Protein backbone atom coordinates (compact mmCIF):
# COMPACT_ATOMS: atom_id res chain seq x y z
CA MET A 1 5.59 -14.42 21.34
CA SER A 2 2.56 -16.68 21.67
CA SER A 3 2.93 -20.44 21.73
CA LEU A 4 1.30 -22.39 19.36
CA THR A 5 0.34 -26.01 19.41
CA ILE A 6 0.98 -27.46 15.99
CA ARG A 7 0.00 -30.85 14.40
CA PRO A 8 2.40 -31.36 11.18
CA ILE A 9 0.86 -33.19 8.58
CA TYR A 10 2.79 -35.66 6.54
CA LEU A 11 1.92 -36.58 2.89
CA GLY A 12 4.03 -39.49 2.15
CA LEU A 13 2.70 -41.24 -1.03
CA ILE A 14 4.99 -39.39 -3.16
CA PHE A 15 8.10 -40.54 -2.50
CA ILE A 16 7.30 -44.21 -1.23
CA SER A 17 8.65 -47.12 -3.68
CA PHE A 18 8.80 -50.85 -3.20
CA ALA A 19 8.54 -53.71 -5.91
CA GLN A 20 5.35 -55.10 -6.85
CA GLY A 21 4.98 -58.15 -8.73
CA ASP A 22 2.57 -58.93 -11.66
CA VAL A 23 0.54 -61.09 -9.18
CA THR A 24 0.02 -58.71 -6.90
CA LYS A 25 -0.90 -56.15 -9.37
CA GLU A 26 -3.53 -58.49 -10.93
CA ARG A 27 -5.12 -59.25 -7.64
CA ASN A 28 -5.19 -55.55 -6.77
CA LYS A 29 -6.79 -54.91 -10.26
CA ARG A 30 -9.48 -57.65 -9.14
CA ALA A 31 -10.11 -56.26 -5.79
CA LYS A 32 -10.02 -52.49 -6.97
CA ILE A 33 -7.19 -51.72 -4.76
CA SER A 34 -4.87 -49.04 -6.15
CA VAL A 35 -1.16 -49.00 -5.94
CA ILE A 36 -1.82 -45.84 -3.44
CA ASP A 37 -3.63 -48.23 -1.11
CA VAL A 38 -1.09 -50.67 -1.16
CA ARG A 39 1.70 -48.28 -0.70
CA CYS A 40 0.13 -46.54 2.05
CA ARG A 41 -0.60 -49.67 4.07
CA ARG A 42 2.89 -50.79 3.77
CA SER A 43 4.23 -47.65 5.31
CA PRO A 44 4.21 -47.74 9.00
CA GLY A 45 1.93 -44.66 10.30
CA PHE A 46 0.76 -43.85 7.22
CA GLU A 47 -3.25 -44.21 6.34
CA ILE A 48 -5.67 -43.36 3.69
CA GLU A 49 -7.96 -40.33 4.03
CA ARG A 50 -10.97 -40.13 1.56
CA TYR A 51 -12.80 -37.28 0.17
CA ASP A 52 -15.44 -36.38 -1.67
CA LEU A 53 -15.77 -37.54 -5.59
CA GLY A 54 -13.81 -40.95 -4.62
CA GLY A 55 -10.54 -39.10 -3.85
CA LYS A 56 -8.03 -40.40 -1.50
CA MET A 57 -4.64 -39.25 0.08
CA CYS A 58 -1.92 -41.12 2.09
CA LEU A 59 -1.18 -38.90 5.20
CA MET A 60 0.25 -39.52 8.39
CA TRP A 61 -0.92 -37.57 11.54
CA SER A 62 1.85 -36.94 13.74
CA ASN A 63 1.50 -36.62 17.73
CA ASN A 64 4.53 -34.36 17.85
CA THR A 65 4.49 -30.55 18.18
CA LYS A 66 7.01 -28.93 15.90
CA ASN A 67 7.54 -25.45 14.24
CA PHE A 68 6.93 -25.10 10.52
CA THR A 69 10.73 -25.50 9.74
CA ASP A 70 11.10 -28.85 12.19
CA ALA A 71 7.67 -30.29 10.80
CA LYS A 72 8.83 -29.93 7.28
CA ALA A 73 12.33 -31.48 7.91
CA GLU A 74 10.73 -34.47 9.98
CA CYS A 75 8.62 -34.78 6.49
CA LYS A 76 11.62 -34.98 4.36
CA ALA A 77 13.21 -37.44 6.76
CA GLN A 78 10.37 -39.93 6.72
CA GLY A 79 10.46 -39.69 2.80
CA ALA A 80 7.24 -37.25 2.72
CA ARG A 81 6.61 -33.67 2.60
CA LEU A 82 4.06 -31.53 4.21
CA GLY A 83 0.53 -32.02 3.11
CA VAL A 84 -0.60 -29.99 -0.23
CA PHE A 85 -4.70 -29.66 -0.03
CA LYS A 86 -5.70 -28.15 -3.01
CA GLY A 87 -9.29 -27.72 -3.52
CA ALA A 88 -12.56 -27.79 -1.25
CA GLU A 89 -12.71 -31.73 -1.07
CA LYS A 90 -9.12 -32.14 0.15
CA MET A 91 -9.74 -29.13 2.42
CA LYS A 92 -12.44 -30.88 4.22
CA ILE A 93 -9.67 -33.51 5.66
CA LEU A 94 -8.04 -30.65 7.30
CA PHE A 95 -11.17 -29.44 8.90
CA ARG A 96 -12.25 -32.72 10.10
CA GLN A 97 -8.84 -33.46 11.82
CA ARG A 98 -8.84 -29.65 12.98
CA ASP A 99 -12.06 -30.25 14.56
CA TRP A 100 -11.03 -33.57 16.07
CA TRP A 101 -7.58 -32.72 17.60
CA LYS A 102 -8.70 -28.95 18.33
CA ARG A 103 -5.31 -27.97 17.27
CA ASN A 104 -3.55 -26.09 14.22
CA ILE A 105 -2.13 -28.06 11.62
CA TRP A 106 1.07 -27.69 9.61
CA ILE A 107 0.39 -27.77 5.78
CA GLY A 108 2.75 -27.43 2.89
CA LEU A 109 1.55 -23.80 2.37
CA ASP A 110 3.73 -20.84 3.17
CA ASP A 111 4.39 -16.98 2.59
CA LEU A 112 8.06 -17.07 3.54
CA VAL A 113 9.10 -15.73 0.13
CA THR A 114 6.70 -12.73 -0.43
CA GLU A 115 4.65 -11.79 2.74
CA GLY A 116 0.90 -12.54 1.80
CA THR A 117 1.32 -14.74 -1.28
CA LEU A 118 0.78 -17.86 -0.22
CA VAL A 119 2.57 -20.70 -2.17
CA TRP A 120 2.03 -24.41 -1.89
CA HIS A 121 5.39 -26.46 -1.63
CA ASP A 122 4.76 -27.57 -5.29
CA GLY A 123 4.97 -23.99 -6.28
CA THR A 124 1.64 -23.22 -7.02
CA ILE A 125 0.10 -20.11 -5.78
CA LEU A 126 -2.96 -20.24 -3.48
CA PRO A 127 -5.61 -17.56 -5.08
CA ARG A 128 -7.00 -15.21 -2.48
CA SER A 129 -10.25 -16.37 -3.52
CA GLU A 130 -9.81 -19.95 -1.94
CA TYR A 131 -8.50 -18.36 1.61
CA TYR A 132 -11.83 -18.27 3.19
CA PRO A 133 -12.97 -20.17 5.48
CA LEU A 134 -8.83 -20.67 6.22
CA TYR A 135 -7.18 -18.32 8.86
CA PHE A 136 -3.38 -17.81 8.40
CA ASN A 137 -1.54 -16.56 11.27
CA SER A 138 1.97 -15.19 10.50
């Protein structure tokens, strides 16, 4: 069995909540700061990652090496989930990080139910036409 070094990705935006007053909302509107920006900045270890077309995601890049199950459990413990990177623009975030870290990255995609059918953790199936240039190793 080969040993892979894995870098789990934490997508924490969905589950983060905090009270935000009307004054803060108005200030953010004037400064063009979104609720995503505020929530992400107030969550230790998380950062905004931007992609084409003005999109952004709130992510945490962990330095811990984990297997898939442990990475998923650690995400859940932090109120996050493994990242779901649908579309070429979001995939570019992964490629930048992969090239920077020179390691594999766990994302919220698996074929645990049916071998060869890749399912995002939100339940949608990754079409085979979108596999390239990704490499999946069972």
